[in-house]
């Protein structure tokens, strides 16, 4: 089942917030759709503006990582990894 259109609109509004670097949609352990908000370093959560925008949907927060993730080939051995 795809995410509700309303949650997609919420994610679009949340990405414009200055303390948010990325947004996505996830599900909670009990199967409810939730807004996934990646906050900038040293941002305290919950972010009141994001909670207000999310309304009835839960918000899952995570902090930006120090390093950018590296994408590796889907099938090891197809190319040399250094």
C-alpha atoms as a PDB file:
ATOM      1  CA  UNK A   1       0.000   0.000   0.000  1.00  0.00           C
ATOM      2  CA  UNK A   2       1.552   3.343  -1.028  1.00  0.00           C
ATOM      3  CA  UNK A   3       1.998   6.196   1.420  1.00  0.00           C
ATOM      4  CA  UNK A   4      -0.983   8.543   1.755  1.00  0.00           C
ATOM      5  CA  UNK A   5      -0.879  11.647  -0.471  1.00  0.00           C
ATOM      6  CA  UNK A   6      -1.315  13.808   2.624  1.00  0.00           C
ATOM      7  CA  UNK A   7       1.934  12.473   4.093  1.00  0.00           C
ATOM      8  CA  UNK A   8       3.749  13.211   0.835  1.00  0.00           C
ATOM      9  CA  UNK A   9       2.552  16.835   1.065  1.00  0.00           C
ATOM     10  CA  UNK A  10       3.712  16.951   4.691  1.00  0.00           C
ATOM     11  CA  UNK A  11       7.169  15.701   3.683  1.00  0.00           C
ATOM     12  CA  UNK A  12       7.353  18.386   0.985  1.00  0.00           C
ATOM     13  CA  UNK A  13       6.573  21.078   3.571  1.00  0.00           C
ATOM     14  CA  UNK A  14       8.984  19.642   6.175  1.00  0.00           C
ATOM     15  CA  UNK A  15      12.031  19.682   3.876  1.00  0.00           C
ATOM     16  CA  UNK A  16      11.792  23.481   3.740  1.00  0.00           C
ATOM     17  CA  UNK A  17      12.445  23.770   7.490  1.00  0.00           C
ATOM     18  CA  UNK A  18      15.928  25.118   8.320  1.00  0.00           C
ATOM     19  CA  UNK A  19      16.729  22.383  10.875  1.00  0.00           C
ATOM     20  CA  UNK A  20      15.824  19.505   8.544  1.00  0.00           C
ATOM     21  CA  UNK A  21      18.313  18.218   5.959  1.00  0.00           C
ATOM     22  CA  UNK A  22      16.347  15.282   4.516  1.00  0.00           C
ATOM     23  CA  UNK A  23      12.874  13.841   4.813  1.00  0.00           C
ATOM     24  CA  UNK A  24      11.330  10.559   3.894  1.00  0.00           C
ATOM     25  CA  UNK A  25       8.465   8.297   4.730  1.00  0.00           C
ATOM     26  CA  UNK A  26       8.765   5.218   6.905  1.00  0.00           C
ATOM     27  CA  UNK A  27       6.581   2.972   9.014  1.00  0.00           C
ATOM     28  CA  UNK A  28       6.598   2.569  12.759  1.00  0.00           C
ATOM     29  CA  UNK A  29       6.964  -0.804  14.479  1.00  0.00           C
ATOM     30  CA  UNK A  30       3.167  -1.043  14.669  1.00  0.00           C
ATOM     31  CA  UNK A  31       2.779  -0.451  10.903  1.00  0.00           C
ATOM     32  CA  UNK A  32       1.685   3.203  10.888  1.00  0.00           C
ATOM     33  CA  UNK A  33       3.067   5.551   8.247  1.00  0.00           C
ATOM     34  CA  UNK A  34       5.418   8.161   9.698  1.00  0.00           C
ATOM     35  CA  UNK A  35       7.495  11.109   8.591  1.00  0.00           C
ATOM     36  CA  UNK A  36      11.233  10.372   8.720  1.00  0.00           C
ATOM     37  CA  UNK A  37      13.098  13.612   9.438  1.00  0.00           C
ATOM     38  CA  UNK A  38      16.892  13.849   9.368  1.00  0.00           C
ATOM     39  CA  UNK A  39      17.897  16.804  11.500  1.00  0.00           C
ATOM     40  CA  UNK A  40      21.063  18.850  11.278  1.00  0.00           C
ATOM     41  CA  UNK A  41      23.794  18.159  13.852  1.00  0.00           C
ATOM     42  CA  UNK A  42      23.062  19.299  17.411  1.00  0.00           C
ATOM     43  CA  UNK A  43      19.352  19.908  16.746  1.00  0.00           C
ATOM     44  CA  UNK A  44      17.189  18.955  19.698  1.00  0.00           C
ATOM     45  CA  UNK A  45      14.137  16.874  18.941  1.00  0.00           C
ATOM     46  CA  UNK A  46      11.220  16.883  18.690  1.00  0.00           C
ATOM     47  CA  UNK A  47      11.120  19.950  16.451  1.00  0.00           C
ATOM     48  CA  UNK A  48       7.876  21.742  17.343  1.00  0.00           C
ATOM     49  CA  UNK A  49       7.259  23.071  13.810  1.00  0.00           C
ATOM     50  CA  UNK A  50       7.685  19.600  12.301  1.00  0.00           C
ATOM     51  CA  UNK A  51       5.400  18.009  14.881  1.00  0.00           C
ATOM     52  CA  UNK A  52       2.766  20.620  14.029  1.00  0.00           C
ATOM     53  CA  UNK A  53       3.151  20.042  10.273  1.00  0.00           C
ATOM     54  CA  UNK A  54       2.932  16.247  10.743  1.00  0.00           C
ATOM     55  CA  UNK A  55      -0.373  16.501  12.577  1.00  0.00           C
ATOM     56  CA  UNK A  56      -1.703  12.998  13.280  1.00  0.00           C
ATOM     57  CA  UNK A  57       1.311  11.250  11.730  1.00  0.00           C
ATOM     58  CA  UNK A  58       4.198  10.249  13.995  1.00  0.00           C
ATOM     59  CA  UNK A  59       7.652  11.690  13.318  1.00  0.00           C
ATOM     60  CA  UNK A  60      10.805   9.561  13.459  1.00  0.00           C
ATOM     61  CA  UNK A  61      13.949  11.655  13.905  1.00  0.00           C
ATOM     62  CA  UNK A  62      17.553  10.829  13.140  1.00  0.00           C
ATOM     63  CA  UNK A  63      20.640  13.014  13.208  1.00  0.00           C
ATOM     64  CA  UNK A  64      22.796  13.657  10.155  1.00  0.00           C
ATOM     65  CA  UNK A  65      25.770  11.344   9.908  1.00  0.00           C
ATOM     66  CA  UNK A  66      29.334  12.652   9.956  1.00  0.00           C
ATOM     67  CA  UNK A  67      30.203  10.806   6.756  1.00  0.00           C
ATOM     68  CA  UNK A  68      28.394  10.634   3.450  1.00  0.00           C
ATOM     69  CA  UNK A  69      27.292   7.048   2.689  1.00  0.00           C
ATOM     70  CA  UNK A  70      29.205   5.233  -0.049  1.00  0.00           C
ATOM     71  CA  UNK A  71      27.298   3.297  -2.689  1.00  0.00           C
ATOM     72  CA  UNK A  72      28.851  -0.049  -3.589  1.00  0.00           C
ATOM     73  CA  UNK A  73      27.902  -2.339  -6.475  1.00  0.00           C
ATOM     74  CA  UNK A  74      24.812  -4.437  -5.869  1.00  0.00           C
ATOM     75  CA  UNK A  75      26.729  -7.592  -6.767  1.00  0.00           C
ATOM     76  CA  UNK A  76      30.146  -7.895  -5.155  1.00  0.00           C
ATOM     77  CA  UNK A  77      32.793  -8.957  -7.634  1.00  0.00           C
ATOM     78  CA  UNK A  78      31.318  -7.059 -10.609  1.00  0.00           C
ATOM     79  CA  UNK A  79      33.863  -4.283 -10.200  1.00  0.00           C
ATOM     80  CA  UNK A  80      36.956  -3.692  -8.127  1.00  0.00           C
ATOM     81  CA  UNK A  81      36.401  -2.014  -4.785  1.00  0.00           C
ATOM     82  CA  UNK A  82      39.363  -0.099  -3.436  1.00  0.00           C
END
